[in-house]
Every structure is written in C-alpha cells, then in structure tokens.
C-alpha cells in the first residue's frame, strides 16, 4: 500500500488534496517522495515564514526538544517568558495569551471583548460586527464570525451575536452599530476571501467609531502578521492601533502557534478559570517563535519583503494572462484573464511549483526570505502556464 492509499484509509477526507507526498524541504524548496523538487510559493499557507528547516530556526527548535518539550501552564518557562516579551515589544502590545492556532487566537479575542463589555455594562452588549467575505476560523464561534454564507451550513445552530456588514461600506457599518455592539472584528487583507485589502478610510472610520463608543477593535492578523505584508503588523500600514490583535500561521515558522495580544486596558479581562489552553505557549512553539520574531524584526528584513513584493507585482502586472493583482506585501492575489485558477495551481505541480488559490484567484504566499532567483524561476513557470 502506497502513502496516499494508507493516508486515505486512515485520515478523514476534510481536504481536497493533490496527489503529491511532500517528504522533505530545505530553504524555499520542497521535495516529494519521488525526489522531485518544487519551488514553494505557498509556504504552507503562509506558515513556513523562513522556508523549510531554516538552520537557525531548526537548531533552536531541536535544542528546545532536548531541553523540555512541554510542561503545564500551571508553571512558568523561560522560553515562553522570552517569547512573550519579544512579541509584545515587537507589536507594541501589553500582554499576550498563547494558543495553538488562528481560530483559538480569535476565540480568545471574542471572549475578551464580550467579557470586557459584560464586566463594564452588563448583559445585552455582546454583538460583534465582522465583514462580509471575512474568514476567522473553523470552530463554531469563528465560523459564526466568518462573513461567508458558504460556511454557514450543516453545523446548526451557530453561535449567536455576530453581524456581517460589507467591507469598505462606511454607511452600512454605521447602520450596524447600535447599543448591543461590543466589538468590530476585521482582517486588513481578506486572505481566504480573495486577497482583498481594506480601504484606508474604512479602517480609520472603524477605529474612530470604536474610540467614540467604547467598542473594542479586533484585528485578525492570523495571515497578515509577522511580516507578511512588509510591516510586522498590517495595522502599521493604516496608522492605527487595534485594541486586540490576533496572530498565528507564520509566527512560529511552522509549528502550531496562536497569539491574542491586548492593549493595557484589556489585559486583565480574562482571569484564572475564564480561559486556558493545554498546549498554548508550548516551549517548542515559543523557541521557533523567538527565531522568527528576531529575524523578521532585524534591520532591513522588512524592507526586503517590501522590495520583493514590488518586484513580484511588477512582473505579474506585465504578464500575458494576468488581469489584475491584489493584496499587500508578500500576500498576493492574481486574477487571470481566461484561465481557471484551480487548473493553473494543479498544472504548476507538474512543473515543480507550489501555488495556492483564494476564491477565483491564484494566491502567492512565498516564504519571507525567498530569493530573487527563486522568484524568477517560479514566475517563469507561472507565466508559461497562464499565457
């Protein structure tokens, strides 16, 4: 029995998988079990932020495994203390709660917002506004927060208290804000929704409304955070500071992580017994996260991300078959003129290139340290496929 047969016999079929068995990786190159190599323009959906098995990252993670791999959160660990300190300083937040995924980070943000409002105003102020076309996770609460009808099926009843308004529609936002609202939650770039950046004016109006009405602004930076957009946090592009920011994906370089960061006035909302996570702040994840944060915040690193983003966008915009390019930084959506995105992604596998889709677009989330030579090779393959 081969790997794929064995896999399908034992693993739930919750993904539409390609017939490729990824066996190893180095730098920005993956290798399958037949020794075929692939340039990775997807980085595990934005998770392998430093590529595969980066030497500094791997050394830190392996050293941590041989020191202590896990201990209960009833105790302290120096590696979690170091990571929390480093992350709070990099983001300008006061405190952080660690979980294992973006969905968990968003659950923490939702609970914090609702408890803050309950503690201060009592019952009846628990509505959270999210945006149409958003994606916040696959738990029941984060699915309910997600503003896409395709996800609102099967798992009834969904969690109540979420209202979805169109992105960039200021009038609709004002209409939705009433005395029951405790938070507004948004992604600065709607990743799963098609790699669509929010308008500056809309984001700033959200911040103004939240300030005026004591509503918590939650930024879901699960995909945009940790340098993906050319800033450590995408909020920096808009010149605003959300009250709560969530992170995950690329934050620990490929091991499970979730982080919910709060400004000082929200840092003491959750107290012992109101929230927790067995594996949250796991020493292995924190060791990986320490390397990622140090590298991404090093002088010149984010300037390189921005330069590579501009380079890729210029190349894509000049390609035959490309109608438009969207996104921010190394979070790129490509609308094709006459080719189906899914077909292109599948065909790219044969040519040795790993791509992603987002709605009807081809999506690129390459490792942040990808080289220009690797960019050129990957874009050459893509260009041939979409001519």
Protein backbone atom coordinates (compact mmCIF):
# COMPACT_ATOMS: atom_id res chain seq x y z
CA UNK A 1 0.00 0.00 0.00
CA UNK A 2 1.46 3.36 -1.01
CA UNK A 3 1.48 6.52 1.12
CA UNK A 4 -1.62 8.08 -0.42
CA UNK A 5 -3.67 4.88 -0.08
CA UNK A 6 -2.57 4.44 3.53
CA UNK A 7 -3.33 8.11 4.25
CA UNK A 8 -6.80 7.99 2.71
CA UNK A 9 -7.63 4.77 4.57
CA UNK A 10 -6.95 6.37 7.95
CA UNK A 11 -7.35 10.17 7.71
CA UNK A 12 -10.71 11.94 7.42
CA UNK A 13 -11.26 13.40 3.95
CA UNK A 14 -11.66 17.01 5.05
CA UNK A 15 -9.28 18.42 2.40
CA UNK A 16 -9.16 18.24 -1.37
CA UNK A 17 -5.56 17.07 -1.59
CA UNK A 18 -3.26 16.94 -4.58
CA UNK A 19 -1.57 13.63 -5.42
CA UNK A 20 1.79 14.74 -4.07
CA UNK A 21 3.56 13.40 -0.99
CA UNK A 22 5.86 16.10 0.40
CA UNK A 23 8.72 14.30 2.08
CA UNK A 24 11.33 16.93 2.93
CA UNK A 25 12.30 20.54 2.41
CA UNK A 26 15.26 22.89 2.50
CA UNK A 27 15.25 26.65 2.09
CA UNK A 28 12.38 27.51 -0.20
CA UNK A 29 12.37 24.13 -1.95
CA UNK A 30 10.19 21.14 -1.10
CA UNK A 31 10.87 17.59 -2.22
CA UNK A 32 8.39 14.77 -2.69
CA UNK A 33 8.89 11.07 -2.00
CA UNK A 34 9.99 10.56 -5.62
CA UNK A 35 12.77 13.16 -5.23
CA UNK A 36 11.03 15.75 -7.39
CA UNK A 37 11.66 19.32 -6.16
CA UNK A 38 9.23 22.23 -6.01
CA UNK A 39 9.71 25.98 -5.57
CA UNK A 40 7.32 26.90 -2.77
CA UNK A 41 5.16 29.97 -3.40
CA UNK A 42 2.70 28.95 -0.68
CA UNK A 43 4.84 28.33 2.45
CA UNK A 44 2.25 26.02 4.00
CA UNK A 45 -0.44 28.72 3.58
CA UNK A 46 1.82 31.44 4.92
CA UNK A 47 3.18 29.38 7.81
CA UNK A 48 6.77 28.49 6.88
CA UNK A 49 7.77 32.15 7.04
CA UNK A 50 11.50 31.33 6.89
CA UNK A 51 11.10 28.46 4.46
CA UNK A 52 11.86 24.82 5.19
CA UNK A 53 14.18 23.80 8.03
CA UNK A 54 15.95 27.15 8.30
CA UNK A 55 19.20 26.34 10.13
CA UNK A 56 18.87 28.86 12.98
CA UNK A 57 15.19 28.01 13.46
CA UNK A 58 15.78 24.23 13.36
CA UNK A 59 18.66 24.48 15.83
CA UNK A 60 16.50 26.43 18.29
CA UNK A 61 13.57 24.03 18.00
CA UNK A 62 15.76 20.92 18.29
CA UNK A 63 17.60 22.33 21.29
CA UNK A 64 14.25 23.04 22.96
CA UNK A 65 13.02 19.49 22.27
CA UNK A 66 16.09 18.14 24.06
CA UNK A 67 15.62 20.53 26.99
CA UNK A 68 11.89 20.32 27.75
CA UNK A 69 9.15 19.79 25.18
CA UNK A 70 6.13 20.60 27.35
CA UNK A 71 5.01 21.50 30.81
CA UNK A 72 1.68 22.55 32.23
CA UNK A 73 0.74 26.22 32.17
CA UNK A 74 0.49 25.95 35.96
CA UNK A 75 4.24 26.52 35.81
CA UNK A 76 6.49 29.12 34.21
CA UNK A 77 9.02 28.55 31.44
CA UNK A 78 11.83 30.88 30.47
CA UNK A 79 11.32 30.32 26.74
CA UNK A 80 7.66 31.43 26.92
CA UNK A 81 8.65 34.46 29.01
CA UNK A 82 11.29 35.41 26.43
CA UNK A 83 8.92 34.95 23.50
CA UNK A 84 6.10 36.91 25.13
CA UNK A 85 8.45 39.77 25.97
CA UNK A 86 9.90 39.82 22.47
CA UNK A 87 6.48 39.66 20.78
CA UNK A 88 4.92 42.38 22.94
CA UNK A 89 7.87 44.68 22.26
CA UNK A 90 7.72 43.98 18.51
CA UNK A 91 3.99 44.72 18.34
CA UNK A 92 3.62 47.41 20.99
CA UNK A 93 1.02 45.45 22.95
CA UNK A 94 0.86 44.99 26.70
CA UNK A 95 0.19 41.26 27.14
CA UNK A 96 -0.41 38.10 25.13
CA UNK A 97 -2.36 34.87 25.51
CA UNK A 98 -0.90 31.89 23.64
CA UNK A 99 -2.96 29.21 21.91
CA UNK A 100 -2.28 26.80 19.07
CA UNK A 101 -3.98 28.29 16.02
CA UNK A 102 -5.58 31.33 14.47
CA UNK A 103 -9.04 30.10 15.38
CA UNK A 104 -8.02 29.78 19.03
CA UNK A 105 -6.48 33.25 18.99
CA UNK A 106 -9.72 34.64 17.59
CA UNK A 107 -11.78 32.75 20.19
CA UNK A 108 -9.70 34.43 22.86
CA UNK A 109 -10.31 37.84 21.29
CA UNK A 110 -14.07 37.21 21.11
CA UNK A 111 -14.21 36.11 24.74
CA UNK A 112 -12.13 39.08 25.87
CA UNK A 113 -14.38 41.56 24.06
CA UNK A 114 -17.58 40.04 25.42
CA UNK A 115 -16.30 39.76 28.98
CA UNK A 116 -14.94 43.32 28.96
CA UNK A 117 -18.36 44.57 27.88
CA UNK A 118 -20.20 42.36 30.38
CA UNK A 119 -17.97 43.47 33.24
CA UNK A 120 -18.48 47.13 32.40
CA UNK A 121 -22.03 47.30 31.00
CA UNK A 122 -23.77 44.07 31.99
CA UNK A 123 -25.78 41.73 29.78
CA UNK A 124 -27.08 42.64 26.35
CA UNK A 125 -23.94 44.20 24.88
CA UNK A 126 -22.36 41.21 23.16
CA UNK A 127 -22.78 41.70 19.39
CA UNK A 128 -19.63 41.55 17.29
CA UNK A 129 -19.62 43.09 13.82
CA UNK A 130 -17.48 41.31 11.22
CA UNK A 131 -17.18 41.87 7.48
CA UNK A 132 -18.78 40.11 4.55
CA UNK A 133 -16.16 37.92 2.83
CA UNK A 134 -14.13 37.55 6.03
CA UNK A 135 -12.66 34.34 7.38
CA UNK A 136 -11.87 33.87 11.07
CA UNK A 137 -11.59 30.11 11.62
CA UNK A 138 -13.42 26.78 11.69
CA UNK A 139 -14.59 26.45 15.29
CA UNK A 140 -18.30 27.08 15.80
CA UNK A 141 -17.71 30.59 17.14
CA UNK A 142 -15.18 31.62 14.49
CA UNK A 143 -17.31 30.09 11.72
CA UNK A 144 -20.17 32.20 13.03
CA UNK A 145 -17.89 35.24 12.90
CA UNK A 146 -16.87 34.41 9.33
CA UNK A 147 -18.80 36.53 6.83
CA UNK A 148 -19.19 33.96 4.04
CA UNK A 149 -22.50 32.17 3.51
CA UNK A 150 -20.78 29.07 2.15
CA UNK A 151 -19.51 28.32 5.67
CA UNK A 152 -22.89 28.85 7.34
CA UNK A 153 -24.29 25.42 6.71
CA UNK A 154 -24.56 21.97 8.27
CA UNK A 155 -23.43 22.81 11.80
CA UNK A 156 -26.57 24.42 13.17
CA UNK A 157 -27.22 26.11 15.49
CA UNK A 158 -24.42 28.62 15.00
CA UNK A 159 -23.19 30.91 17.76
CA UNK A 160 -25.42 33.97 18.00
CA UNK A 161 -24.29 37.57 18.31
CA UNK A 162 -22.44 38.13 15.03
CA UNK A 163 -23.49 40.66 12.38
CA UNK A 164 -21.80 40.90 8.97
CA UNK A 165 -21.51 44.18 7.06
CA UNK A 166 -19.92 44.76 3.62
CA UNK A 167 -16.23 45.61 3.66
CA UNK A 168 -15.44 49.27 2.92
CA UNK A 169 -19.10 50.30 3.26
CA UNK A 170 -19.00 53.02 5.91
CA UNK A 171 -22.73 53.72 5.74
CA UNK A 172 -23.60 50.06 6.34
CA UNK A 173 -21.15 49.96 9.23
CA UNK A 174 -22.79 52.95 10.90
CA UNK A 175 -26.20 51.34 10.45
CA UNK A 176 -24.99 48.14 12.13
CA UNK A 177 -23.50 49.85 15.18
CA UNK A 178 -26.05 50.01 17.99
CA UNK A 179 -26.11 49.68 21.78
CA UNK A 180 -25.67 45.89 21.60
CA UNK A 181 -22.26 46.03 19.88
CA UNK A 182 -19.15 45.25 21.93
CA UNK A 183 -16.59 44.77 19.14
CA UNK A 184 -15.77 45.18 15.46
CA UNK A 185 -13.54 42.46 14.03
CA UNK A 186 -11.73 42.66 10.68
CA UNK A 187 -8.85 41.46 8.54
CA UNK A 188 -6.81 44.23 6.90
CA UNK A 189 -6.40 41.95 3.90
CA UNK A 190 -9.15 39.40 3.41
CA UNK A 191 -6.99 36.39 2.61
CA UNK A 192 -9.36 33.46 2.13
CA UNK A 193 -11.87 35.96 0.77
CA UNK A 194 -9.73 36.72 -2.27
CA UNK A 195 -6.66 38.64 -1.05
CA UNK A 196 -8.51 41.97 -0.87
CA UNK A 197 -7.03 44.91 1.05
CA UNK A 198 -9.40 47.14 3.01
CA UNK A 199 -9.64 50.85 2.17
CA UNK A 200 -7.68 53.20 4.43
CA UNK A 201 -10.70 55.44 5.07
CA UNK A 202 -12.82 52.49 6.14
CA UNK A 203 -10.24 51.20 8.61
CA UNK A 204 -9.75 54.64 10.13
CA UNK A 205 -13.52 55.05 10.49
CA UNK A 206 -13.71 51.73 12.33
CA UNK A 207 -11.06 53.00 14.73
CA UNK A 208 -12.93 56.30 15.21
CA UNK A 209 -16.25 54.57 15.92
CA UNK A 210 -14.63 52.21 18.40
CA UNK A 211 -12.98 55.10 20.24
CA UNK A 212 -16.21 57.07 20.36
CA UNK A 213 -18.45 54.26 21.59
CA UNK A 214 -16.07 52.19 23.76
CA UNK A 215 -16.23 49.34 21.27
CA UNK A 216 -13.24 47.00 21.00
CA UNK A 217 -11.47 46.92 17.64
CA UNK A 218 -10.18 43.39 16.94
CA UNK A 219 -7.66 42.86 14.14
CA UNK A 220 -7.38 39.33 12.80
CA UNK A 221 -3.74 39.24 11.65
CA UNK A 222 -3.53 35.47 11.54
CA UNK A 223 -2.37 35.62 7.92
CA UNK A 224 -1.13 39.22 7.64
CA UNK A 225 1.02 39.31 10.79
CA UNK A 226 4.70 38.53 11.42
CA UNK A 227 5.98 40.50 8.44
CA UNK A 228 3.79 39.06 5.69
CA UNK A 229 2.73 42.49 4.39
CA UNK A 230 6.11 44.24 4.70
CA UNK A 231 5.36 45.53 8.19
CA UNK A 232 5.44 43.37 11.30
CA UNK A 233 1.70 44.01 11.64
CA UNK A 234 -0.53 45.08 8.76
CA UNK A 235 -2.18 47.67 11.03
CA UNK A 236 1.02 49.71 10.69
CA UNK A 237 0.16 50.40 7.04
CA UNK A 238 -3.04 52.13 8.17
CA UNK A 239 -1.54 54.18 11.01
CA UNK A 240 -3.93 52.81 13.63
CA UNK A 241 -3.66 50.56 16.69
CA UNK A 242 -6.36 47.92 17.24
CA UNK A 243 -7.31 47.14 20.84
CA UNK A 244 -6.73 43.43 20.26
CA UNK A 245 -4.66 41.75 17.55
CA UNK A 246 -4.56 38.03 16.85
CA UNK A 247 -1.68 36.22 15.17
CA UNK A 248 -0.80 32.65 14.16
CA UNK A 249 0.42 30.98 10.92
CA UNK A 250 3.94 32.31 10.22
CA UNK A 251 4.60 33.49 13.77
CA UNK A 252 6.45 30.33 14.83
CA UNK A 253 7.84 29.33 11.44
CA UNK A 254 5.94 26.08 11.00
CA UNK A 255 4.97 24.77 14.44
CA UNK A 256 1.48 25.36 15.91
CA UNK A 257 1.01 28.79 17.48
CA UNK A 258 -1.73 31.29 18.19
CA UNK A 259 -1.44 34.64 19.94
CA UNK A 260 -4.02 37.12 21.20
CA UNK A 261 -2.40 40.48 22.03
CA UNK A 262 -4.11 43.19 24.06
CA UNK A 263 -3.65 46.83 24.97
CA UNK A 264 -3.31 47.53 28.73
CA UNK A 265 -6.99 48.22 29.43
CA UNK A 266 -7.94 44.73 28.22
CA UNK A 267 -5.01 42.73 29.62
CA UNK A 268 -6.70 41.81 32.90
CA UNK A 269 -10.16 40.96 31.49
CA UNK A 270 -9.52 37.21 31.40
CA UNK A 271 -8.68 35.86 34.85
CA UNK A 272 -7.88 32.32 36.09
CA UNK A 273 -10.75 30.00 35.20
CA UNK A 274 -12.11 32.09 32.30
CA UNK A 275 -9.76 30.87 29.58
CA UNK A 276 -6.91 28.44 29.02
CA UNK A 277 -5.06 26.13 26.63
CA UNK A 278 -3.18 22.92 27.41
CA UNK A 279 -0.62 23.38 24.66
CA UNK A 280 -0.71 27.18 24.43
CA UNK A 281 2.75 28.69 24.85
CA UNK A 282 4.32 25.27 24.30
CA UNK A 283 8.12 25.58 24.68
CA UNK A 284 8.79 24.19 21.18
CA UNK A 285 6.48 26.73 19.55
CA UNK A 286 7.98 29.55 21.62
CA UNK A 287 11.50 28.53 20.61
CA UNK A 288 10.52 28.69 16.95
CA UNK A 289 8.69 31.96 17.50
CA UNK A 290 11.72 33.56 19.14
CA UNK A 291 13.77 32.97 15.99
CA UNK A 292 11.02 34.22 13.65
CA UNK A 293 10.43 37.45 15.58
CA UNK A 294 14.16 38.15 15.89
CA UNK A 295 14.76 37.59 12.18
CA UNK A 296 11.72 39.47 10.91
CA UNK A 297 12.40 42.49 13.12
CA UNK A 298 16.13 42.59 12.24
CA UNK A 299 17.27 45.72 10.43
CA UNK A 300 16.46 45.62 6.73
CA UNK A 301 14.43 42.39 6.72
CA UNK A 302 11.02 44.01 6.21
CA UNK A 303 12.48 46.42 3.65
CA UNK A 304 13.46 43.33 1.66
CA UNK A 305 9.95 41.91 1.97
CA UNK A 306 8.56 45.16 0.57
CA UNK A 307 11.13 45.23 -2.26
CA UNK A 308 10.35 41.62 -3.22
CA UNK A 309 6.65 42.42 -3.15
CA UNK A 310 7.10 45.32 -5.54
CA UNK A 311 9.29 43.18 -7.78
CA UNK A 312 6.74 40.36 -7.97
CA UNK A 313 3.85 42.75 -8.56
CA UNK A 314 5.68 44.47 -11.42
CA UNK A 315 6.48 41.12 -13.03
CA UNK A 316 2.93 39.84 -12.64
CA UNK A 317 1.32 43.02 -13.95
CA UNK A 318 3.34 42.70 -17.16
CA UNK A 319 2.38 39.05 -17.77
CA UNK A 320 0.11 37.91 -20.55
CA UNK A 321 -2.96 36.34 -18.99
CA UNK A 322 -2.99 38.46 -15.82
CA UNK A 323 -5.97 40.76 -15.47
CA UNK A 324 -5.12 42.30 -12.08
CA UNK A 325 -3.06 41.85 -8.93
CA UNK A 326 -4.30 42.45 -5.37
CA UNK A 327 -3.03 42.16 -1.82
CA UNK A 328 -0.27 43.67 0.28
CA UNK A 329 3.37 42.71 0.67
CA UNK A 330 4.06 39.03 0.02
CA UNK A 331 0.34 38.27 0.25
CA UNK A 332 -0.67 38.37 -3.41
CA UNK A 333 -3.84 37.54 -5.34
CA UNK A 334 -3.81 37.16 -9.13
CA UNK A 335 -6.95 37.49 -11.23
CA UNK A 336 -6.47 35.65 -14.52
CA UNK A 337 -7.98 36.73 -17.83
CA UNK A 338 -9.06 33.39 -19.25
CA UNK A 339 -7.60 30.57 -17.17
CA UNK A 340 -9.11 28.80 -14.17
CA UNK A 341 -7.03 29.35 -11.03
CA UNK A 342 -7.51 25.81 -9.74
CA UNK A 343 -6.38 24.37 -13.05
CA UNK A 344 -3.27 26.55 -13.04
CA UNK A 345 -2.36 25.51 -9.48
CA UNK A 346 -2.73 21.84 -10.38
CA UNK A 347 -0.71 22.22 -13.59
CA UNK A 348 2.03 24.05 -11.69
CA UNK A 349 2.70 20.91 -9.64
CA UNK A 350 3.85 19.12 -12.77
CA UNK A 351 6.27 21.98 -13.42
CA UNK A 352 7.68 21.99 -9.90
CA UNK A 353 5.87 24.98 -8.39
CA UNK A 354 3.61 25.09 -5.32
CA UNK A 355 0.80 27.68 -5.56
CA UNK A 356 -2.45 28.40 -3.72
CA UNK A 357 -5.92 29.65 -4.60
CA UNK A 358 -8.23 32.17 -2.95
CA UNK A 359 -11.74 32.20 -4.41
CA UNK A 360 -11.19 32.56 -8.17
CA UNK A 361 -7.62 33.87 -7.83
CA UNK A 362 -4.20 32.32 -7.81
CA UNK A 363 -2.67 33.18 -4.44
CA UNK A 364 1.01 33.61 -3.58
CA UNK A 365 2.32 33.44 0.00
CA UNK A 366 6.02 32.74 -0.52
CA UNK A 367 8.48 32.46 2.37
CA UNK A 368 9.55 35.92 3.51
CA UNK A 369 13.21 35.11 2.83
CA UNK A 370 12.69 33.83 -0.72
CA UNK A 371 15.50 34.86 -3.09
CA UNK A 372 15.12 36.82 -6.31
CA UNK A 373 16.48 33.84 -8.25
CA UNK A 374 13.74 31.64 -6.79
CA UNK A 375 11.14 34.31 -7.50
CA UNK A 376 12.24 34.50 -11.14
CA UNK A 377 12.15 30.72 -11.58
CA UNK A 378 8.69 30.45 -10.07
CA UNK A 379 7.28 33.37 -12.03
CA UNK A 380 8.71 31.93 -15.25
CA UNK A 381 6.74 28.72 -14.68
CA UNK A 382 3.60 30.67 -13.80
CA UNK A 383 3.94 32.86 -16.89
CA UNK A 384 4.12 29.83 -19.18
CA UNK A 385 1.05 28.29 -17.57
CA UNK A 386 -1.19 31.36 -17.93
CA UNK A 387 -0.21 32.59 -21.41
